[in-house]
């Protein structure tokens, strides 16, 4: 794998998270503009999200590992594949990039730069759904790295596409994206006051996924590099 310094890896994490959020928020705004059918709007939100994940992980994975997600970063830190000092910077870059992504989406649709969401997303079922979503995402990444590394971009994109529909929360599965989505009062938004429950559930699900997959895959899985995707010569 090509070696990139920390500054480049942080920019890649911010850029990837920003483009991911711009896609989620922008496609949601476009869907609301084009249809009043909520199911169709969700489909219009789902497909671009899954597609952009394939692109982002493929092109930025060799630089930073393409985490784009504090929960994923914490998992790789827990597996001792990313230093704690770098993990904190990764998470800050992801949160900042996500917030910028929301603002970019708003600018493209001539909306206020920041418009705090009033969309209610709370309750035990939603929190459990977020834990399930994060659990499945981590399991997909770790098993993908072990068995089909080159397929990881597609595996993650397809998993999130499916999880949009089988989870009650529409699968945020990402604290940085959740924070960014609290800044938009559009289709994909979430009230800022609902963030703590979502973020805690996502982190718990991610840790549970890591613990199970560490056991299921055996310690040999711990030898994988920090990147979710790597390019071999």
Foldseek 3Di string as FASTA:
>chain_A
DDADDLVQLLLLLLQLLLQLLLLLQLQQQVLVVPDPPLVVSLLSNLPSNLVSLLVSCVPSLAYHQNPLFLLLLVLCVVLVQDPPVSSVSSVVSSLNSLQVSLQVSCVVVVHPSFDFAPDAQDDDQSLLLLLQLLLVLLLQLLVCLVPPLVCSSNSNSVSLSVSCPPGPNNHPLGLSSQSNQRRDHTRSHYHPVRSVSNVVSSNNSSVVSSVVCCVVVDVVSSVGHSHSHHDDD
